[in-house]
PDB file of N, CA and C in Angstrom:
ATOM      1  N   MET A   1       0.861  -1.121   0.005  1.00  0.00           N
ATOM      2  CA  MET A   1       0.073   0.028  -0.060  1.00  0.00           C
ATOM      3  C   MET A   1       0.865   1.296  -0.001  1.00  0.00           C
ATOM      4  N   SER A   2       0.376   2.221  -0.804  1.00  0.00           N
ATOM      5  CA  SER A   2       1.044   3.435  -0.829  1.00  0.00           C
ATOM      6  C   SER A   2       0.415   4.725  -0.098  1.00  0.00           C
ATOM      7  N   LEU A   3       1.097   5.714   0.160  1.00  0.00           N
ATOM      8  CA  LEU A   3       0.351   6.831   0.796  1.00  0.00           C
ATOM      9  C   LEU A   3      -0.583   7.413  -0.289  1.00  0.00           C
ATOM     10  N   SER A   4      -0.328   7.296  -1.455  1.00  0.00           N
ATOM     11  CA  SER A   4      -1.281   7.938  -2.380  1.00  0.00           C
ATOM     12  C   SER A   4      -2.641   7.089  -2.525  1.00  0.00           C
ATOM     13  N   SER A   5      -2.776   6.048  -2.001  1.00  0.00           N
ATOM     14  CA  SER A   5      -3.902   5.490  -1.786  1.00  0.00           C
ATOM     15  C   SER A   5      -4.906   6.001  -0.648  1.00  0.00           C
ATOM     16  N   VAL A   6      -4.265   6.934   0.109  1.00  0.00           N
ATOM     17  CA  VAL A   6      -5.122   7.530   1.165  1.00  0.00           C
ATOM     18  C   VAL A   6      -5.080   8.984   0.934  1.00  0.00           C
ATOM     19  N   LEU A   7      -4.037   9.585   0.405  1.00  0.00           N
ATOM     20  CA  LEU A   7      -3.872  11.074   0.189  1.00  0.00           C
ATOM     21  C   LEU A   7      -3.628  11.199  -1.231  1.00  0.00           C
ATOM     22  N   SER A   8      -4.049  12.423  -1.832  1.00  0.00           N
ATOM     23  CA  SER A   8      -3.764  12.821  -3.106  1.00  0.00           C
ATOM     24  C   SER A   8      -2.344  13.139  -3.418  1.00  0.00           C
ATOM     25  N   ALA A   9      -1.762  12.852  -4.625  1.00  0.00           N
ATOM     26  CA  ALA A   9      -0.490  13.196  -4.842  1.00  0.00           C
ATOM     27  C   ALA A   9      -0.137  14.735  -4.817  1.00  0.00           C
ATOM     28  N   GLU A  10      -1.190  15.488  -5.177  1.00  0.00           N
ATOM     29  CA  GLU A  10      -1.117  17.051  -5.117  1.00  0.00           C
ATOM     30  C   GLU A  10      -0.960  17.471  -3.738  1.00  0.00           C
ATOM     31  N   ALA A  11      -1.731  17.009  -2.786  1.00  0.00           N
ATOM     32  CA  ALA A  11      -1.839  17.304  -1.381  1.00  0.00           C
ATOM     33  C   ALA A  11      -0.498  16.955  -0.609  1.00  0.00           C
ATOM     34  N   ILE A  12       0.074  15.697  -1.104  1.00  0.00           N
ATOM     35  CA  ILE A  12       1.403  15.300  -0.593  1.00  0.00           C
ATOM     36  C   ILE A  12       2.468  16.299  -1.050  1.00  0.00           C
ATOM     37  N   ASP A  13       2.453  16.616  -2.297  1.00  0.00           N
ATOM     38  CA  ASP A  13       3.339  17.512  -2.846  1.00  0.00           C
ATOM     39  C   ASP A  13       3.402  18.896  -2.237  1.00  0.00           C
ATOM     40  N   SER A  14       2.167  19.369  -2.007  1.00  0.00           N
ATOM     41  CA  SER A  14       2.027  20.683  -1.340  1.00  0.00           C
ATOM     42  C   SER A  14       2.670  20.557  -0.026  1.00  0.00           C
ATOM     43  N   ALA A  15       2.362  19.593   0.788  1.00  0.00           N
ATOM     44  CA  ALA A  15       2.753  19.538   2.207  1.00  0.00           C
ATOM     45  C   ALA A  15       4.184  19.499   2.337  1.00  0.00           C
ATOM     46  N   VAL A  16       4.919  18.661   1.315  1.00  0.00           N
ATOM     47  CA  VAL A  16       6.279  18.498   1.329  1.00  0.00           C
ATOM     48  C   VAL A  16       7.004  19.804   0.967  1.00  0.00           C
ATOM     49  N   LYS A  17       6.418  20.413  -0.013  1.00  0.00           N
ATOM     50  CA  LYS A  17       7.111  21.688  -0.388  1.00  0.00           C
ATOM     51  C   LYS A  17       6.894  22.878   0.660  1.00  0.00           C
ATOM     52  N   ASP A  18       5.875  22.713   1.448  1.00  0.00           N
ATOM     53  CA  ASP A  18       5.705  23.817   2.454  1.00  0.00           C
ATOM     54  C   ASP A  18       6.967  23.590   3.555  1.00  0.00           C
ATOM     55  N   CYS A  19       7.523  22.552   3.762  1.00  0.00           N
ATOM     56  CA  CYS A  19       8.554  22.467   4.712  1.00  0.00           C
ATOM     57  C   CYS A  19      10.023  21.984   4.026  1.00  0.00           C
ATOM     58  N   GLN A  20      10.269  22.479   2.890  1.00  0.00           N
ATOM     59  CA  GLN A  20      11.466  22.307   2.222  1.00  0.00           C
ATOM     60  C   GLN A  20      12.662  22.764   3.003  1.00  0.00           C
ATOM     61  N   ALA A  21      12.565  23.935   3.466  1.00  0.00           N
ATOM     62  CA  ALA A  21      13.787  24.520   4.126  1.00  0.00           C
ATOM     63  C   ALA A  21      14.016  23.639   5.545  1.00  0.00           C
ATOM     64  N   PRO A  22      15.275  23.440   6.007  1.00  0.00           N
ATOM     65  CA  PRO A  22      15.632  22.856   7.206  1.00  0.00           C
ATOM     66  C   PRO A  22      14.913  23.567   8.369  1.00  0.00           C
ATOM     67  N   ASP A  23      14.434  22.876   9.230  1.00  0.00           N
ATOM     68  CA  ASP A  23      13.948  23.566  10.666  1.00  0.00           C
ATOM     69  C   ASP A  23      12.553  24.186  10.412  1.00  0.00           C
ATOM     70  N   THR A  24      11.820  23.858   9.266  1.00  0.00           N
ATOM     71  CA  THR A  24      10.597  24.511   9.001  1.00  0.00           C
ATOM     72  C   THR A  24       9.419  23.458   9.130  1.00  0.00           C
ATOM     73  N   PHE A  25       9.718  22.290   9.316  1.00  0.00           N
ATOM     74  CA  PHE A  25       8.656  21.161   9.466  1.00  0.00           C
ATOM     75  C   PHE A  25       7.834  21.290  10.772  1.00  0.00           C
ATOM     76  N   CYS A  26       6.610  21.294  10.582  1.00  0.00           N
ATOM     77  CA  CYS A  26       5.681  21.269  11.800  1.00  0.00           C
ATOM     78  C   CYS A  26       4.630  20.166  11.479  1.00  0.00           C
ATOM     79  N   PRO A  27       4.637  19.185  12.278  1.00  0.00           N
ATOM     80  CA  PRO A  27       3.783  18.041  11.976  1.00  0.00           C
ATOM     81  C   PRO A  27       2.345  18.421  11.801  1.00  0.00           C
ATOM     82  N   LYS A  28       1.691  19.309  12.715  1.00  0.00           N
ATOM     83  CA  LYS A  28       0.206  19.559  12.717  1.00  0.00           C
ATOM     84  C   LYS A  28      -0.029  20.342  11.258  1.00  0.00           C
ATOM     85  N   LYS A  29       0.798  21.091  10.992  1.00  0.00           N
ATOM     86  CA  LYS A  29       0.627  21.920   9.800  1.00  0.00           C
ATOM     87  C   LYS A  29       0.818  20.975   8.532  1.00  0.00           C
ATOM     88  N   PHE A  30       1.726  20.048   8.474  1.00  0.00           N
ATOM     89  CA  PHE A  30       1.962  19.173   7.566  1.00  0.00           C
ATOM     90  C   PHE A  30       0.689  18.163   7.285  1.00  0.00           C
ATOM     91  N   PHE A  31       0.050  17.823   8.474  1.00  0.00           N
ATOM     92  CA  PHE A  31      -1.185  16.908   8.492  1.00  0.00           C
ATOM     93  C   PHE A  31      -2.341  17.683   7.908  1.00  0.00           C
ATOM     94  N   GLN A  32      -2.312  18.972   8.178  1.00  0.00           N
ATOM     95  CA  GLN A  32      -3.489  19.780   7.600  1.00  0.00           C
ATOM     96  C   GLN A  32      -3.233  19.995   6.152  1.00  0.00           C
ATOM     97  N   ILE A  33      -2.139  20.407   5.688  1.00  0.00           N
ATOM     98  CA  ILE A  33      -1.905  20.589   4.194  1.00  0.00           C
ATOM     99  C   ILE A  33      -2.080  19.361   3.530  1.00  0.00           C
ATOM    100  N   CYS A  34      -1.625  18.226   3.986  1.00  0.00           N
ATOM    101  CA  CYS A  34      -1.695  16.898   3.110  1.00  0.00           C
ATOM    102  C   CYS A  34      -3.210  16.468   3.237  1.00  0.00           C
ATOM    103  N   GLY A  35      -3.954  16.833   4.285  1.00  0.00           N
ATOM    104  CA  GLY A  35      -5.254  16.417   4.399  1.00  0.00           C
ATOM    105  C   GLY A  35      -5.593  15.085   5.260  1.00  0.00           C
ATOM    106  N   LEU A  36      -4.392  14.871   6.048  1.00  0.00           N
ATOM    107  CA  LEU A  36      -4.540  13.641   6.742  1.00  0.00           C
ATOM    108  C   LEU A  36      -5.454  13.805   7.959  1.00  0.00           C
ATOM    109  N   ASN A  37      -5.544  15.149   8.471  1.00  0.00           N
ATOM    110  CA  ASN A  37      -6.235  15.335   9.670  1.00  0.00           C
ATOM    111  C   ASN A  37      -7.692  15.233   9.386  1.00  0.00           C
ATOM    112  N   LYS A  38      -8.055  15.168   8.068  1.00  0.00           N
ATOM    113  CA  LYS A  38      -9.608  14.961   7.711  1.00  0.00           C
ATOM    114  C   LYS A  38      -9.989  13.680   7.364  1.00  0.00           C
ATOM    115  N   LYS A  39      -8.992  12.769   7.413  1.00  0.00           N
ATOM    116  CA  LYS A  39      -9.225  11.296   7.111  1.00  0.00           C
ATOM    117  C   LYS A  39      -9.828  10.501   8.286  1.00  0.00           C
ATOM    118  N   SER A  40     -10.295   9.326   7.859  1.00  0.00           N
ATOM    119  CA  SER A  40     -10.903   8.447   9.083  1.00  0.00           C
ATOM    120  C   SER A  40      -9.930   7.885   9.823  1.00  0.00           C
ATOM    121  N   PRO A  41     -10.297   7.417  10.953  1.00  0.00           N
ATOM    122  CA  PRO A  41      -9.153   6.733  11.958  1.00  0.00           C
ATOM    123  C   PRO A  41      -8.638   5.673  11.199  1.00  0.00           C
ATOM    124  N   GLN A  42      -9.380   4.881  10.355  1.00  0.00           N
ATOM    125  CA  GLN A  42      -8.857   3.737   9.627  1.00  0.00           C
ATOM    126  C   GLN A  42      -7.775   4.174   8.677  1.00  0.00           C
ATOM    127  N   ASP A  43      -8.030   5.204   7.883  1.00  0.00           N
ATOM    128  CA  ASP A  43      -6.891   5.855   7.051  1.00  0.00           C
ATOM    129  C   ASP A  43      -5.816   6.233   7.793  1.00  0.00           C
ATOM    130  N   VAL A  44      -5.982   7.019   8.861  1.00  0.00           N
ATOM    131  CA  VAL A  44      -4.704   7.403   9.622  1.00  0.00           C
ATOM    132  C   VAL A  44      -3.939   6.065  10.067  1.00  0.00           C
ATOM    133  N   LYS A  45      -4.687   5.103  10.478  1.00  0.00           N
ATOM    134  CA  LYS A  45      -3.864   3.802  10.956  1.00  0.00           C
ATOM    135  C   LYS A  45      -3.179   3.198   9.771  1.00  0.00           C
ATOM    136  N   LYS A  46      -3.770   3.360   8.498  1.00  0.00           N
ATOM    137  CA  LYS A  46      -3.045   2.847   7.241  1.00  0.00           C
ATOM    138  C   LYS A  46      -1.766   3.703   7.114  1.00  0.00           C
ATOM    139  N   VAL A  47      -1.838   4.961   7.231  1.00  0.00           N
ATOM    140  CA  VAL A  47      -0.736   5.905   7.111  1.00  0.00           C
ATOM    141  C   VAL A  47       0.426   5.525   8.151  1.00  0.00           C
ATOM    142  N   PHE A  48      -0.005   5.223   9.324  1.00  0.00           N
ATOM    143  CA  PHE A  48       0.851   4.773  10.404  1.00  0.00           C
ATOM    144  C   PHE A  48       1.618   3.562   9.963  1.00  0.00           C
ATOM    145  N   GLY A  49       0.964   2.631   9.490  1.00  0.00           N
ATOM    146  CA  GLY A  49       1.453   1.352   9.153  1.00  0.00           C
ATOM    147  C   GLY A  49       2.566   1.632   7.916  1.00  0.00           C
ATOM    148  N   ILE A  50       2.356   2.486   7.136  1.00  0.00           N
ATOM    149  CA  ILE A  50       3.327   2.776   6.108  1.00  0.00           C
ATOM    150  C   ILE A  50       4.573   3.437   6.682  1.00  0.00           C
ATOM    151  N   LEU A  51       4.367   4.389   7.733  1.00  0.00           N
ATOM    152  CA  LEU A  51       5.477   5.000   8.164  1.00  0.00           C
ATOM    153  C   LEU A  51       6.262   4.211   9.206  1.00  0.00           C
ATOM    154  N   ASP A  52       5.627   3.207   9.690  1.00  0.00           N
ATOM    155  CA  ASP A  52       6.303   2.201  10.598  1.00  0.00           C
ATOM    156  C   ASP A  52       7.097   1.201   9.668  1.00  0.00           C
ATOM    157  N   ASN A  53       8.259   1.715   9.306  1.00  0.00           N
ATOM    158  CA  ASN A  53       9.054   1.076   8.291  1.00  0.00           C
ATOM    159  C   ASN A  53       9.445  -0.488   8.672  1.00  0.00           C
ATOM    160  N   ASP A  54       9.705  -0.594   9.943  1.00  0.00           N
ATOM    161  CA  ASP A  54      10.204  -1.843  10.318  1.00  0.00           C
ATOM    162  C   ASP A  54       9.146  -2.900  10.903  1.00  0.00           C
ATOM    163  N   GLY A  55       7.793  -2.382  10.850  1.00  0.00           N
ATOM    164  CA  GLY A  55       6.724  -3.172  11.294  1.00  0.00           C
ATOM    165  C   GLY A  55       6.728  -3.498  12.783  1.00  0.00           C
ATOM    166  N   SER A  56       7.307  -2.654  13.506  1.00  0.00           N
ATOM    167  CA  SER A  56       7.449  -3.005  15.042  1.00  0.00           C
ATOM    168  C   SER A  56       6.238  -2.503  15.641  1.00  0.00           C
ATOM    169  N   GLY A  57       5.220  -1.782  15.001  1.00  0.00           N
ATOM    170  CA  GLY A  57       4.121  -1.300  15.732  1.00  0.00           C
ATOM    171  C   GLY A  57       4.341   0.199  16.251  1.00  0.00           C
ATOM    172  N   PHE A  58       5.460   0.598  16.093  1.00  0.00           N
ATOM    173  CA  PHE A  58       5.842   1.876  16.589  1.00  0.00           C
ATOM    174  C   PHE A  58       6.601   2.697  15.500  1.00  0.00           C
ATOM    175  N   ILE A  59       6.753   3.941  15.520  1.00  0.00           N
ATOM    176  CA  ILE A  59       7.643   4.815  14.856  1.00  0.00           C
ATOM    177  C   ILE A  59       8.626   5.185  15.781  1.00  0.00           C
ATOM    178  N   GLU A  60      10.057   4.710  15.547  1.00  0.00           N
ATOM    179  CA  GLU A  60      11.056   5.278  16.367  1.00  0.00           C
ATOM    180  C   GLU A  60      11.713   6.426  15.773  1.00  0.00           C
ATOM    181  N   GLU A  61      12.589   7.022  16.619  1.00  0.00           N
ATOM    182  CA  GLU A  61      13.340   8.212  16.109  1.00  0.00           C
ATOM    183  C   GLU A  61      13.980   8.034  14.848  1.00  0.00           C
ATOM    184  N   GLU A  62      14.567   6.971  14.616  1.00  0.00           N
ATOM    185  CA  GLU A  62      15.348   6.615  13.425  1.00  0.00           C
ATOM    186  C   GLU A  62      14.446   6.683  12.147  1.00  0.00           C
ATOM    187  N   GLU A  63      13.282   6.165  12.323  1.00  0.00           N
ATOM    188  CA  GLU A  63      12.154   6.007  11.305  1.00  0.00           C
ATOM    189  C   GLU A  63      11.700   7.594  11.048  1.00  0.00           C
ATOM    190  N   LEU A  64      11.446   8.275  12.137  1.00  0.00           N
ATOM    191  CA  LEU A  64      10.971   9.655  12.072  1.00  0.00           C
ATOM    192  C   LEU A  64      11.902  10.536  11.273  1.00  0.00           C
ATOM    193  N   LYS A  65      13.175  10.485  11.326  1.00  0.00           N
ATOM    194  CA  LYS A  65      13.939  11.178  10.522  1.00  0.00           C
ATOM    195  C   LYS A  65      13.716  11.317   9.014  1.00  0.00           C
ATOM    196  N   PHE A  66      13.234  10.102   8.562  1.00  0.00           N
ATOM    197  CA  PHE A  66      12.863   9.927   7.213  1.00  0.00           C
ATOM    198  C   PHE A  66      11.295  10.003   6.857  1.00  0.00           C
ATOM    199  N   PHE A  67      10.710  10.673   7.925  1.00  0.00           N
ATOM    200  CA  PHE A  67       9.213  10.957   7.556  1.00  0.00           C
ATOM    201  C   PHE A  67       8.860  11.491   6.473  1.00  0.00           C
ATOM    202  N   LEU A  68       9.454  12.607   6.073  1.00  0.00           N
ATOM    203  CA  LEU A  68       9.034  13.335   4.770  1.00  0.00           C
ATOM    204  C   LEU A  68       9.242  12.433   3.454  1.00  0.00           C
ATOM    205  N   GLN A  69      10.447  11.595   3.613  1.00  0.00           N
ATOM    206  CA  GLN A  69      10.674  10.734   2.394  1.00  0.00           C
ATOM    207  C   GLN A  69       9.715   9.655   2.243  1.00  0.00           C
ATOM    208  N   ARG A  70       8.980   9.240   3.219  1.00  0.00           N
ATOM    209  CA  ARG A  70       8.126   8.353   3.013  1.00  0.00           C
ATOM    210  C   ARG A  70       6.975   8.783   2.222  1.00  0.00           C
ATOM    211  N   PHE A  71       6.827  10.038   2.299  1.00  0.00           N
ATOM    212  CA  PHE A  71       5.614  10.770   1.401  1.00  0.00           C
ATOM    213  C   PHE A  71       6.037  10.989   0.095  1.00  0.00           C
ATOM    214  N   SER A  72       7.478  11.393  -0.063  1.00  0.00           N
ATOM    215  CA  SER A  72       8.116  11.764  -1.332  1.00  0.00           C
ATOM    216  C   SER A  72       9.527  11.421  -1.360  1.00  0.00           C
ATOM    217  N   PRO A  73       9.948  10.410  -2.156  1.00  0.00           N
ATOM    218  CA  PRO A  73      11.292  10.060  -2.134  1.00  0.00           C
ATOM    219  C   PRO A  73      12.305  11.112  -2.203  1.00  0.00           C
ATOM    220  N   THR A  74      12.101  12.182  -2.920  1.00  0.00           N
ATOM    221  CA  THR A  74      12.965  13.239  -3.032  1.00  0.00           C
ATOM    222  C   THR A  74      12.906  14.284  -2.016  1.00  0.00           C
ATOM    223  N   ALA A  75      12.123  14.218  -0.966  1.00  0.00           N
ATOM    224  CA  ALA A  75      12.073  14.974   0.132  1.00  0.00           C
ATOM    225  C   ALA A  75      13.376  14.964   1.089  1.00  0.00           C
ATOM    226  N   ARG A  76      13.562  16.010   1.712  1.00  0.00           N
ATOM    227  CA  ARG A  76      14.778  16.119   2.743  1.00  0.00           C
ATOM    228  C   ARG A  76      14.544  15.106   4.018  1.00  0.00           C
ATOM    229  N   ALA A  77      15.485  14.744   4.517  1.00  0.00           N
ATOM    230  CA  ALA A  77      15.296  14.277   6.008  1.00  0.00           C
ATOM    231  C   ALA A  77      15.130  15.282   6.981  1.00  0.00           C
ATOM    232  N   LEU A  78      14.284  14.926   8.060  1.00  0.00           N
ATOM    233  CA  LEU A  78      14.096  15.810   9.163  1.00  0.00           C
ATOM    234  C   LEU A  78      15.406  16.121   9.761  1.00  0.00           C
ATOM    235  N   THR A  79      15.695  17.421  10.310  1.00  0.00           N
ATOM    236  CA  THR A  79      16.833  17.695  11.140  1.00  0.00           C
ATOM    237  C   THR A  79      16.620  17.123  12.484  1.00  0.00           C
ATOM    238  N   GLU A  80      17.652  16.932  13.275  1.00  0.00           N
ATOM    239  CA  GLU A  80      17.594  16.386  14.583  1.00  0.00           C
ATOM    240  C   GLU A  80      16.620  17.156  15.472  1.00  0.00           C
ATOM    241  N   LYS A  81      16.670  18.545  15.373  1.00  0.00           N
ATOM    242  CA  LYS A  81      15.854  19.356  16.197  1.00  0.00           C
ATOM    243  C   LYS A  81      14.407  19.064  15.730  1.00  0.00           C
ATOM    244  N   GLU A  82      14.020  19.013  14.578  1.00  0.00           N
ATOM    245  CA  GLU A  82      12.728  18.586  14.052  1.00  0.00           C
ATOM    246  C   GLU A  82      12.244  17.258  14.538  1.00  0.00           C
ATOM    247  N   THR A  83      13.050  16.230  14.387  1.00  0.00           N
ATOM    248  CA  THR A  83      12.968  14.938  14.921  1.00  0.00           C
ATOM    249  C   THR A  83      12.489  14.811  16.305  1.00  0.00           C
ATOM    250  N   LYS A  84      13.225  15.467  17.107  1.00  0.00           N
ATOM    251  CA  LYS A  84      13.127  15.430  18.574  1.00  0.00           C
ATOM    252  C   LYS A  84      11.951  16.249  18.871  1.00  0.00           C
ATOM    253  N   ALA A  85      11.497  17.367  18.211  1.00  0.00           N
ATOM    254  CA  ALA A  85      10.417  18.012  18.462  1.00  0.00           C
ATOM    255  C   ALA A  85       9.026  17.296  18.082  1.00  0.00           C
ATOM    256  N   PHE A  86       9.127  16.575  17.031  1.00  0.00           N
ATOM    257  CA  PHE A  86       8.102  15.628  16.745  1.00  0.00           C
ATOM    258  C   PHE A  86       7.864  14.619  17.613  1.00  0.00           C
ATOM    259  N   MET A  87       8.930  14.002  18.022  1.00  0.00           N
ATOM    260  CA  MET A  87       8.790  12.836  18.971  1.00  0.00           C
ATOM    261  C   MET A  87       8.113  13.354  20.157  1.00  0.00           C
ATOM    262  N   SER A  88       8.641  14.591  20.611  1.00  0.00           N
ATOM    263  CA  SER A  88       8.264  15.149  22.106  1.00  0.00           C
ATOM    264  C   SER A  88       6.668  15.392  21.913  1.00  0.00           C
ATOM    265  N   ALA A  89       6.258  15.841  20.767  1.00  0.00           N
ATOM    266  CA  ALA A  89       4.881  16.257  20.555  1.00  0.00           C
ATOM    267  C   ALA A  89       3.929  15.094  20.655  1.00  0.00           C
ATOM    268  N   ALA A  90       4.424  14.021  19.829  1.00  0.00           N
ATOM    269  CA  ALA A  90       3.529  12.738  19.837  1.00  0.00           C
ATOM    270  C   ALA A  90       3.623  11.629  20.830  1.00  0.00           C
ATOM    271  N   ASP A  91       4.983  11.640  21.512  1.00  0.00           N
ATOM    272  CA  ASP A  91       5.142  10.481  22.450  1.00  0.00           C
ATOM    273  C   ASP A  91       4.568  10.841  23.697  1.00  0.00           C
ATOM    274  N   ASP A  92       3.229  10.503  23.915  1.00  0.00           N
ATOM    275  CA  ASP A  92       2.483  10.961  25.158  1.00  0.00           C
ATOM    276  C   ASP A  92       2.974  10.141  26.398  1.00  0.00           C
ATOM    277  N   ASP A  93       3.410   8.880  26.165  1.00  0.00           N
ATOM    278  CA  ASP A  93       3.817   8.061  27.370  1.00  0.00           C
ATOM    279  C   ASP A  93       5.315   8.217  27.511  1.00  0.00           C
ATOM    280  N   SER A  94       5.995   8.855  26.796  1.00  0.00           N
ATOM    281  CA  SER A  94       7.438   9.172  26.984  1.00  0.00           C
ATOM    282  C   SER A  94       8.299   7.749  26.873  1.00  0.00           C
ATOM    283  N   ASP A  95       7.880   6.892  26.143  1.00  0.00           N
ATOM    284  CA  ASP A  95       8.729   5.655  25.955  1.00  0.00           C
ATOM    285  C   ASP A  95       9.738   5.717  24.639  1.00  0.00           C
ATOM    286  N   GLY A  96       9.862   6.951  24.225  1.00  0.00           N
ATOM    287  CA  GLY A  96      10.839   7.085  23.043  1.00  0.00           C
ATOM    288  C   GLY A  96      10.422   6.741  21.642  1.00  0.00           C
ATOM    289  N   ARG A  97       9.125   6.371  21.543  1.00  0.00           N
ATOM    290  CA  ARG A  97       8.610   5.899  20.197  1.00  0.00           C
ATOM    291  C   ARG A  97       7.134   6.315  20.158  1.00  0.00           C
ATOM    292  N   ILE A  98       6.582   6.359  18.911  1.00  0.00           N
ATOM    293  CA  ILE A  98       5.189   6.765  18.721  1.00  0.00           C
ATOM    294  C   ILE A  98       4.302   5.558  18.387  1.00  0.00           C
ATOM    295  N   GLY A  99       3.310   5.258  19.095  1.00  0.00           N
ATOM    296  CA  GLY A  99       2.615   4.254  18.897  1.00  0.00           C
ATOM    297  C   GLY A  99       1.371   4.670  18.022  1.00  0.00           C
ATOM    298  N   ALA A 100       0.665   3.637  17.486  1.00  0.00           N
ATOM    299  CA  ALA A 100      -0.455   3.966  16.608  1.00  0.00           C
ATOM    300  C   ALA A 100      -1.620   5.004  17.055  1.00  0.00           C
ATOM    301  N   ASP A 101      -2.005   4.804  18.475  1.00  0.00           N
ATOM    302  CA  ASP A 101      -2.888   5.645  19.024  1.00  0.00           C
ATOM    303  C   ASP A 101      -2.204   7.087  19.400  1.00  0.00           C
ATOM    304  N   GLU A 102      -1.074   7.084  19.691  1.00  0.00           N
ATOM    305  CA  GLU A 102      -0.428   8.479  19.842  1.00  0.00           C
ATOM    306  C   GLU A 102      -0.378   9.161  18.586  1.00  0.00           C
ATOM    307  N   PHE A 103      -0.035   8.471  17.472  1.00  0.00           N
ATOM    308  CA  PHE A 103       0.019   8.994  16.101  1.00  0.00           C
ATOM    309  C   PHE A 103      -1.282   9.588  15.664  1.00  0.00           C
ATOM    310  N   GLN A 104      -2.251   8.655  15.896  1.00  0.00           N
ATOM    311  CA  GLN A 104      -3.679   9.139  15.601  1.00  0.00           C
ATOM    312  C   GLN A 104      -4.104  10.310  16.423  1.00  0.00           C
ATOM    313  N   ALA A 105      -3.815  10.378  17.759  1.00  0.00           N
ATOM    314  CA  ALA A 105      -4.159  11.462  18.548  1.00  0.00           C
ATOM    315  C   ALA A 105      -3.605  12.793  18.048  1.00  0.00           C
ATOM    316  N   MET A 106      -2.367  12.673  17.591  1.00  0.00           N
ATOM    317  CA  MET A 106      -1.595  13.979  17.061  1.00  0.00           C
ATOM    318  C   MET A 106      -2.176  14.363  15.801  1.00  0.00           C
ATOM    319  N   VAL A 107      -2.516  13.540  14.850  1.00  0.00           N
ATOM    320  CA  VAL A 107      -2.991  13.758  13.542  1.00  0.00           C
ATOM    321  C   VAL A 107      -4.536  14.363  13.549  1.00  0.00           C
ATOM    322  N   ILE A 108      -5.297  13.859  14.457  1.00  0.00           N
ATOM    323  CA  ILE A 108      -6.670  14.110  14.364  1.00  0.00           C
ATOM    324  C   ILE A 108      -7.028  15.321  15.309  1.00  0.00           C
ATOM    325  N   HIS A 109      -6.288  15.557  16.389  1.00  0.00           N
ATOM    326  CA  HIS A 109      -6.635  16.643  17.326  1.00  0.00           C
ATOM    327  C   HIS A 109      -5.845  17.785  17.164  1.00  0.00           C
TER     328      HIS A 109
END
């Protein structure tokens, strides 16, 4: 499954272009621009499954660095500052990884 089965290619492109410069990535804004925040909980879980590159059931910091590249192969990697801010914003139980429920809560709320 690919992200384009849930989100339009145009929306993904707009969201990735919005944060091309280093240290400009904001997860909430990204989810709004690409339209993920308006999708069903099932669609958000599908996207989580795609972003969970190793299939562990969690998005770890190493996977988070390449978050934008999961949406667009030519996108940049997140900076360490962006990665840590994203993790901090989404990791509600402070276990150092983002679970499906944490991801969904961040996207939809």
